[in-house]
Protein backbone atom coordinates (compact mmCIF):
# COMPACT_ATOMS: atom_id res chain seq x y z
CA MET A 1 37.76 -34.55 25.80
CA ASN A 2 39.10 -33.59 22.45
CA ARG A 3 36.96 -30.98 21.31
CA ILE A 4 36.67 -31.14 17.80
CA TYR A 5 35.91 -27.21 16.60
CA LEU A 6 33.73 -27.08 13.11
CA ASP A 7 32.85 -23.69 13.24
CA ASN A 8 35.57 -21.73 11.61
CA ALA A 9 33.11 -18.92 10.03
CA ALA A 10 32.51 -17.32 13.30
CA THR A 11 36.60 -17.32 13.42
CA THR A 12 39.53 -19.05 13.33
CA PRO A 13 42.94 -19.46 16.02
CA LEU A 14 45.42 -17.13 15.67
CA SER A 15 48.13 -19.35 13.66
CA PRO A 16 51.61 -19.23 16.38
CA GLU A 17 53.51 -17.63 13.34
CA VAL A 18 51.08 -14.54 13.17
CA LEU A 19 51.27 -14.65 17.40
CA LYS A 20 55.01 -14.45 16.41
CA ALA A 21 54.94 -12.24 13.78
CA MET A 22 52.87 -9.77 16.78
CA MET A 23 55.25 -10.81 19.69
CA PRO A 24 58.05 -7.86 19.33
CA PHE A 25 54.99 -5.20 18.31
CA LEU A 26 53.51 -5.69 21.54
CA MET A 27 56.81 -5.50 23.51
CA GLY A 28 59.86 -3.52 22.41
CA HIS A 29 59.04 -1.98 19.01
CA TYR A 30 56.09 -0.44 20.85
CA GLY A 31 56.41 3.05 18.72
CA ASN A 32 53.88 4.74 16.95
CA ALA A 33 54.12 4.60 13.41
CA SER A 34 53.39 8.10 13.06
CA SER A 35 56.71 9.57 15.46
CA ILE A 36 59.44 10.20 13.02
CA HIS A 37 62.16 8.85 15.67
CA ASP A 38 63.67 5.32 15.42
CA THR A 39 61.34 3.66 17.24
CA GLY A 40 58.65 5.42 15.62
CA ARG A 41 60.28 4.20 11.77
CA ASP A 42 60.39 0.53 12.88
CA ALA A 43 56.43 0.94 13.10
CA ARG A 44 56.18 2.35 10.06
CA ARG A 45 58.43 -0.40 8.43
CA ALA A 46 56.37 -2.70 9.70
CA ILE A 47 53.17 -1.29 8.91
CA ASP A 48 54.71 -0.78 5.31
CA GLU A 49 55.97 -4.44 5.26
CA ALA A 50 52.13 -6.05 5.84
CA ARG A 51 50.16 -3.73 3.51
CA LYS A 52 52.33 -4.94 1.16
CA GLN A 53 51.50 -8.87 1.88
CA VAL A 54 47.89 -8.03 2.06
CA ALA A 55 47.70 -6.51 -1.36
CA GLY A 56 49.62 -9.39 -2.80
CA PHE A 57 47.21 -11.62 -1.39
CA ILE A 58 44.34 -9.62 -3.21
CA GLY A 59 46.02 -8.66 -6.09
CA ALA A 60 46.55 -4.51 -5.35
CA LYS A 61 48.90 -2.17 -5.06
CA PRO A 62 49.43 -1.20 -1.92
CA ASN A 63 48.32 1.82 -2.01
CA GLU A 64 45.26 1.13 -2.08
CA VAL A 65 45.28 -1.29 1.08
CA TYR A 66 43.41 0.73 4.00
CA PHE A 67 43.41 -1.15 7.68
CA THR A 68 40.42 -1.15 9.86
CA SER A 69 39.31 -2.81 13.35
CA GLY A 70 37.38 -5.14 11.30
CA GLY A 71 35.16 -6.48 8.38
CA THR A 72 32.06 -4.42 9.49
CA GLU A 73 33.97 -0.74 10.27
CA SER A 74 35.30 -2.19 6.26
CA ASP A 75 31.51 -2.58 5.49
CA ASN A 76 30.57 0.37 6.49
CA TRP A 77 33.30 2.54 5.36
CA ALA A 78 32.43 1.29 2.02
CA LEU A 79 28.87 2.20 2.03
CA LYS A 80 28.83 5.16 3.60
CA GLY A 81 31.97 6.36 2.28
CA VAL A 82 30.42 6.08 -1.27
CA ALA A 83 27.49 7.07 -0.81
CA TYR A 84 28.24 10.26 0.60
CA ALA A 85 31.02 10.89 -1.79
CA ASN A 86 28.86 10.69 -5.07
CA ARG A 87 25.58 11.97 -3.48
CA ASN A 88 25.82 14.46 -6.35
CA LYS A 89 25.26 11.80 -8.70
CA GLY A 90 22.88 9.98 -7.00
CA ASN A 91 21.24 8.37 -4.21
CA HIS A 92 20.25 4.67 -4.78
CA ILE A 93 22.80 1.79 -4.26
CA ILE A 94 21.93 -1.89 -5.03
CA THR A 95 22.98 -4.86 -3.12
CA SER A 96 21.23 -8.12 -2.01
CA ALA A 97 18.80 -9.79 0.76
CA ILE A 98 21.26 -12.25 2.30
CA GLU A 99 24.60 -10.07 2.87
CA HIS A 100 26.02 -10.24 6.28
CA PRO A 101 24.27 -7.81 9.10
CA ALA A 102 27.14 -4.95 8.24
CA VAL A 103 25.80 -4.16 5.01
CA LEU A 104 22.74 -5.03 5.79
CA GLU A 105 21.89 -2.82 8.59
CA THR A 106 24.29 0.02 7.56
CA ALA A 107 21.77 -0.36 3.80
CA LYS A 108 18.52 0.97 6.10
CA TRP A 109 20.52 3.23 8.15
CA LEU A 110 21.82 4.88 5.18
CA GLU A 111 18.00 4.61 3.80
CA THR A 112 17.00 6.74 6.97
CA GLN A 113 19.35 9.34 4.93
CA GLY A 114 17.95 9.90 1.85
CA PHE A 115 19.35 7.61 -0.12
CA GLY A 116 17.19 4.50 -2.13
CA VAL A 117 18.49 0.56 -1.88
CA THR A 118 17.04 -2.65 -3.46
CA TYR A 119 18.08 -5.42 -1.81
CA LEU A 120 18.08 -8.25 -4.32
CA PRO A 121 16.03 -11.58 -4.31
CA ALA A 122 18.91 -14.85 -3.84
CA GLY A 123 17.25 -17.69 -5.27
CA ALA A 124 16.68 -21.12 -3.79
CA ASN A 125 20.64 -21.67 -4.01
CA GLY A 126 21.62 -18.93 -2.75
CA ILE A 127 23.04 -16.74 -5.95
CA LEU A 128 21.69 -13.70 -7.35
CA SER A 129 20.80 -13.26 -10.88
CA LEU A 130 22.86 -11.82 -12.99
CA GLU A 131 19.58 -10.72 -15.20
CA ASP A 132 18.56 -9.23 -11.97
CA VAL A 133 21.46 -7.41 -10.61
CA GLU A 134 20.91 -5.33 -14.37
CA LYS A 135 17.71 -4.62 -13.97
CA ALA A 136 18.10 -3.24 -11.35
CA ILE A 137 20.58 -0.39 -12.44
CA THR A 138 19.62 3.13 -12.53
CA ASN A 139 20.27 6.38 -13.75
CA ARG A 140 20.86 7.13 -10.10
CA THR A 141 22.21 4.21 -8.77
CA ILE A 142 26.06 5.09 -7.43
CA LEU A 143 27.35 2.00 -5.47
CA ILE A 144 26.71 -1.71 -5.95
CA SER A 145 27.38 -4.49 -3.11
CA ILE A 146 27.63 -7.68 -3.18
CA MET A 147 29.24 -9.92 -1.00
CA ALA A 148 31.38 -12.67 -2.70
CA ALA A 149 30.49 -15.06 -0.55
CA ASN A 150 28.17 -15.70 1.82
CA ASN A 151 28.88 -16.43 5.57
CA GLU A 152 25.68 -19.30 6.28
CA ILE A 153 25.53 -21.29 3.61
CA GLY A 154 28.41 -20.35 1.49
CA THR A 155 27.36 -20.06 -1.17
CA LEU A 156 29.48 -18.07 -4.01
CA GLN A 157 28.29 -15.13 -6.31
CA PRO A 158 29.10 -14.01 -9.23
CA VAL A 159 31.42 -11.93 -8.65
CA ALA A 160 33.02 -11.15 -11.73
CA ALA A 161 30.38 -10.85 -13.59
CA ILE A 162 28.84 -8.27 -11.47
CA GLY A 163 31.99 -6.56 -11.72
CA ALA A 164 32.40 -6.46 -14.78
CA LEU A 165 28.70 -4.95 -14.92
CA ALA A 166 29.23 -2.27 -12.52
CA ARG A 167 31.96 -1.46 -14.28
CA ALA A 168 30.04 -1.12 -17.70
CA HIS A 169 27.26 1.31 -16.54
CA LYS A 170 30.62 3.43 -14.42
CA ILE A 171 29.20 2.64 -10.84
CA PRO A 172 31.60 1.24 -7.79
CA PHE A 173 31.55 -2.17 -7.32
CA HIS A 174 32.01 -3.14 -3.68
CA THR A 175 32.21 -6.87 -2.74
CA ASP A 176 32.14 -8.33 1.18
CA ALA A 177 34.87 -10.89 0.81
CA VAL A 178 35.54 -11.76 4.83
CA GLN A 179 34.24 -15.54 4.43
CA ALA A 180 35.93 -15.68 0.71
CA ALA A 181 39.21 -14.71 2.52
CA GLY A 182 42.07 -17.94 2.99
CA ALA A 183 39.11 -19.95 1.24
CA ILE A 184 39.36 -19.67 -2.42
CA ARG A 185 41.65 -17.16 -4.33
CA ILE A 186 40.58 -13.18 -3.97
CA ASP A 187 41.96 -10.83 -7.07
CA VAL A 188 40.53 -7.21 -7.60
CA ASN A 189 40.96 -7.36 -10.70
CA ALA A 190 39.80 -10.22 -12.18
CA TRP A 191 36.82 -9.21 -10.05
CA GLN A 192 36.86 -5.61 -11.07
CA ALA A 193 36.00 -5.07 -7.80
CA ASP A 194 36.27 -1.62 -6.27
CA LEU A 195 36.06 -2.18 -2.54
CA LEU A 196 36.13 -5.08 -0.69
CA SER A 197 36.37 -5.94 3.03
CA LEU A 198 38.32 -8.16 4.61
CA SER A 199 38.89 -9.36 8.45
CA GLY A 200 41.55 -11.45 9.86
CA HIS A 201 40.62 -13.07 12.23
CA LYS A 202 38.64 -15.49 9.69
CA PHE A 203 41.58 -16.56 8.21
CA HIS A 204 44.19 -16.70 11.41
CA GLY A 205 44.91 -13.18 11.95
CA PRO A 206 44.20 -11.22 14.72
CA LYS A 207 40.66 -9.91 16.18
CA GLY A 208 39.87 -6.83 16.23
CA MET A 209 41.50 -6.07 12.80
CA GLY A 210 40.23 -5.73 9.29
CA VAL A 211 41.04 -3.78 5.33
CA LEU A 212 38.76 -2.38 3.14
CA TYR A 213 41.02 -2.44 -0.68
CA VAL A 214 40.30 1.21 -1.96
CA ARG A 215 40.57 1.25 -6.03
CA SER A 216 43.07 4.09 -6.48
CA GLY A 217 40.37 6.78 -8.22
CA THR A 218 37.57 5.92 -6.19
CA ARG A 219 35.61 8.84 -4.64
CA MET A 220 35.44 7.81 -0.96
CA MET A 221 34.65 10.29 1.85
CA PRO A 222 36.44 9.01 5.76
CA LEU A 223 34.59 7.46 7.73
CA LEU A 224 36.26 8.35 11.28
CA HIS A 225 38.00 12.29 10.91
CA GLY A 226 40.98 13.33 13.12
CA GLY A 227 45.17 12.40 11.94
CA ALA A 228 46.06 11.99 8.81
CA GLN A 229 46.63 7.90 9.81
CA GLU A 230 45.74 5.55 6.61
CA ARG A 231 46.66 8.62 3.68
CA ASN A 232 44.20 10.93 5.21
CA ARG A 233 41.64 8.54 4.81
CA ARG A 234 41.46 6.76 8.20
CA ALA A 235 41.70 8.51 11.39
CA GLY A 236 43.70 6.95 14.91
CA THR A 237 47.00 5.60 15.94
CA GLU A 238 48.04 2.61 14.25
CA ASN A 239 47.38 -1.00 15.64
CA VAL A 240 51.29 -2.16 14.47
CA ALA A 241 50.69 -5.81 16.04
CA GLY A 242 47.28 -5.79 14.68
CA ILE A 243 48.78 -5.05 11.07
CA VAL A 244 51.71 -7.35 11.50
CA GLY A 245 49.78 -10.12 12.69
CA LEU A 246 47.10 -9.24 9.82
CA GLY A 247 49.88 -8.87 6.75
CA GLN A 248 51.55 -12.37 8.18
CA ALA A 249 48.17 -13.91 8.03
CA ALA A 250 47.07 -12.98 4.54
CA GLN A 251 51.16 -14.33 3.69
CA ASN A 252 50.53 -17.19 5.49
CA ALA A 253 47.05 -17.41 3.56
CA GLY A 254 48.13 -16.44 0.42
CA MET A 255 50.24 -19.21 -0.30
CA PHE A 256 47.96 -23.00 -0.01
CA ILE A 257 44.15 -21.76 -0.37
CA GLU A 258 44.94 -23.92 -3.32
CA GLU A 259 45.70 -27.57 -1.58
CA ASN A 260 43.93 -26.41 1.43
CA ALA A 261 40.67 -26.00 -0.77
CA GLU A 262 40.85 -29.68 -2.26
CA LYS A 263 41.43 -31.40 0.92
CA ILE A 264 38.99 -29.22 2.51
CA THR A 265 36.37 -30.05 -0.25
CA ARG A 266 37.38 -33.73 0.22
CA LEU A 267 35.86 -33.93 3.99
CA ARG A 268 33.03 -31.32 3.50
CA ASN A 269 31.65 -33.52 0.92
CA ARG A 270 32.46 -36.34 2.83
CA LEU A 271 30.43 -34.93 6.20
CA ILE A 272 27.13 -33.56 3.54
CA ASP A 273 27.14 -37.26 1.71
CA GLY A 274 27.10 -38.94 5.11
CA ILE A 275 24.60 -36.71 7.37
CA LEU A 276 22.42 -37.39 4.17
CA SER A 277 22.55 -41.24 3.40
CA THR A 278 22.56 -41.99 7.64
CA ILE A 279 19.61 -39.28 8.74
CA SER A 280 16.38 -38.93 7.29
CA HIS A 281 14.43 -35.46 6.69
CA VAL A 282 17.77 -33.22 6.27
CA ARG A 283 17.92 -30.35 3.81
CA LEU A 284 21.12 -28.66 2.27
CA ASN A 285 21.47 -25.57 2.34
CA GLY A 286 22.97 -23.52 -0.69
CA ASP A 287 24.48 -24.66 -4.03
CA ARG A 288 25.89 -27.96 -3.76
CA GLY A 289 28.88 -26.96 -6.09
CA SER A 290 29.29 -23.36 -6.01
CA ARG A 291 30.17 -22.92 -2.28
CA LEU A 292 33.38 -22.33 -0.22
CA PRO A 293 34.86 -25.43 0.12
CA ASN A 294 34.71 -25.45 4.34
CA ASN A 295 30.78 -24.83 4.28
CA ALA A 296 27.91 -27.29 5.07
CA ASN A 297 24.64 -25.92 6.37
CA LEU A 298 21.85 -28.47 6.66
CA SER A 299 18.55 -28.17 8.14
CA PHE A 300 17.51 -30.89 9.99
CA ARG A 301 12.94 -30.99 10.00
CA TYR A 302 11.90 -31.69 12.96
CA ILE A 303 13.95 -30.36 15.63
CA GLU A 304 15.40 -26.79 16.56
CA GLY A 305 19.28 -26.32 15.64
CA GLU A 306 19.69 -24.96 19.09
CA ALA A 307 19.00 -28.17 20.60
CA LEU A 308 20.98 -30.07 18.44
CA LEU A 309 23.93 -27.76 18.99
CA LEU A 310 23.82 -27.77 22.54
CA HIS A 311 24.16 -31.50 22.06
CA LEU A 312 27.05 -31.75 19.78
CA ASP A 313 29.09 -29.47 22.02
CA LEU A 314 28.36 -31.67 25.42
CA ASN A 315 29.87 -34.20 23.05
CA GLY A 316 32.82 -32.00 22.47
CA ILE A 317 31.58 -30.68 18.71
CA ALA A 318 31.73 -26.92 18.11
CA ALA A 319 29.26 -26.00 15.25
CA SER A 320 26.64 -23.18 15.24
CA SER A 321 23.23 -22.73 13.85
CA GLY A 322 24.23 -19.48 11.78
CA SER A 323 25.73 -16.99 11.15
CA ALA A 324 27.91 -16.27 15.08
CA CYS A 325 26.93 -12.12 14.63
CA ALA A 326 22.94 -13.52 15.24
CA SER A 327 23.76 -15.24 18.04
CA GLY A 328 20.97 -15.32 21.03
CA SER A 329 18.48 -14.03 18.30
CA LEU A 330 14.92 -15.19 18.73
CA GLU A 331 14.55 -14.49 14.37
CA PRO A 332 14.93 -17.08 11.95
CA SER A 333 18.47 -17.04 9.58
CA HIS A 334 17.03 -14.12 6.92
CA VAL A 335 19.39 -16.11 5.13
CA LEU A 336 17.31 -19.08 4.76
CA LEU A 337 14.12 -16.76 4.67
CA SER A 338 15.88 -15.38 2.13
CA ILE A 339 16.22 -18.88 -0.30
CA GLY A 340 12.48 -19.98 0.36
CA LEU A 341 12.75 -21.55 3.76
CA ASP A 342 9.89 -21.61 5.88
CA ALA A 343 10.83 -20.28 10.04
CA GLU A 344 10.27 -23.52 10.99
CA ASP A 345 12.93 -25.69 8.87
CA ALA A 346 15.27 -22.03 9.24
CA HIS A 347 15.24 -22.82 12.95
CA SER A 348 15.88 -26.32 12.54
CA SER A 349 19.37 -25.40 11.10
CA LEU A 350 22.92 -26.48 11.16
CA ARG A 351 26.47 -24.71 9.95
CA PHE A 352 29.72 -26.62 10.30
CA THR A 353 32.41 -24.70 9.06
CA LEU A 354 35.87 -26.79 8.25
CA SER A 355 39.51 -25.73 8.28
CA GLU A 356 42.50 -27.35 7.17
CA ALA A 357 43.58 -29.07 10.84
CA THR A 358 40.40 -30.58 10.02
CA THR A 359 41.23 -34.22 10.00
CA GLU A 360 38.84 -36.88 9.19
CA ASP A 361 38.94 -38.78 12.25
CA GLU A 362 36.97 -35.82 12.94
CA ILE A 363 34.44 -36.14 10.32
CA ASN A 364 34.16 -39.37 11.46
CA THR A 365 33.06 -39.27 15.01
CA VAL A 366 30.74 -36.11 13.95
CA LEU A 367 29.08 -38.87 11.20
CA ALA A 368 29.15 -41.77 14.51
CA LEU A 369 27.95 -38.85 17.04
CA LEU A 370 25.13 -36.95 15.07
CA PRO A 371 22.12 -40.00 14.06
CA GLY A 372 21.92 -40.98 17.53
CA ILE A 373 21.53 -37.33 18.46
CA VAL A 374 19.00 -36.19 16.12
CA ASP A 375 17.39 -40.31 17.07
CA LYS A 376 17.26 -38.52 20.76
CA LEU A 377 15.97 -35.34 20.07
CA ARG A 378 13.69 -35.73 17.42
CA ALA A 379 12.04 -38.42 20.19
CA MET A 380 11.31 -35.73 22.38
CA SER A 381 10.04 -33.80 19.60
CA PRO A 382 6.42 -32.73 19.02
CA LEU A 383 6.63 -31.98 15.47
CA ALA A 384 8.32 -35.12 14.58
CA SER A 385 4.99 -37.39 15.82
């Protein structure tokens, strides 16, 4: 069976070119980048090159790029690092109710440490109001953290406008760009971001590798203490192979973003239109226009998303019932509840996320199979009677 992979928001396959770049540093070039001998200097040069590649990918300076273990660490470090470094100025943080758990759970933990957090709601289209952000600012606000693109429904937030607002109030602005990376063009200066999180495995890089961009001059506390790696801000022996892979993935992704986005958007729209025109009682979640090119999140009333997901899997189609980080949870999606869905409709949601490798034939196969699966499940559902 030829499998169709439409769960690229959960993870993407490692690029062969990325693997090729990593291989020498998994075998012969095994030096510790902190060592001063030739083998160590080889590793250091490779890290420096990867830092330049990532900086070019997001419009930053190389010395503003810090390598981490992934998006979760980057988000934790951004919130905790800024909060504790600026505690003498205030204790108030602004974020949204639809952030990834890496931000939400960190914010909740900071509340136990004496910080106050405002969780802004998203509108029915999944987009925050700039007016709500401005109203939430107080003279004690020390950080605004709003994601660039939602990991479940794919909506794009007005991060450039939020960044400008934060800059006007002299408040550090962090954006979780984990889902945006590789899908849309990122520019930390256009967005006026002071901190930005990335995760390599979302754009064909290795798992376990991430980035935190920190604008020069931003007050930060280290998350990890120990050695002097990452300019004394992130201790621990560097994962040279992973860093090289992340750098190569960033360079690759940056080369064809607009071209890939155009193709993926066309296929995504075909998928959405095909589903809405052939299956009744379906809702598209999130804004139709202001969303990631590859994201289609829909609710299929009267059936469980998990059942639909399993039947698709049996037919060789990989999708998701929501965020991979929430897999196994019995609770309905906090994102879908936040934009106004009830628990029943939230549980009936399915997320399809495409990539540049997705083909028109694959979309046609999904559109051919999905109506029959939905009809079968609804015939068994007491909710549909």
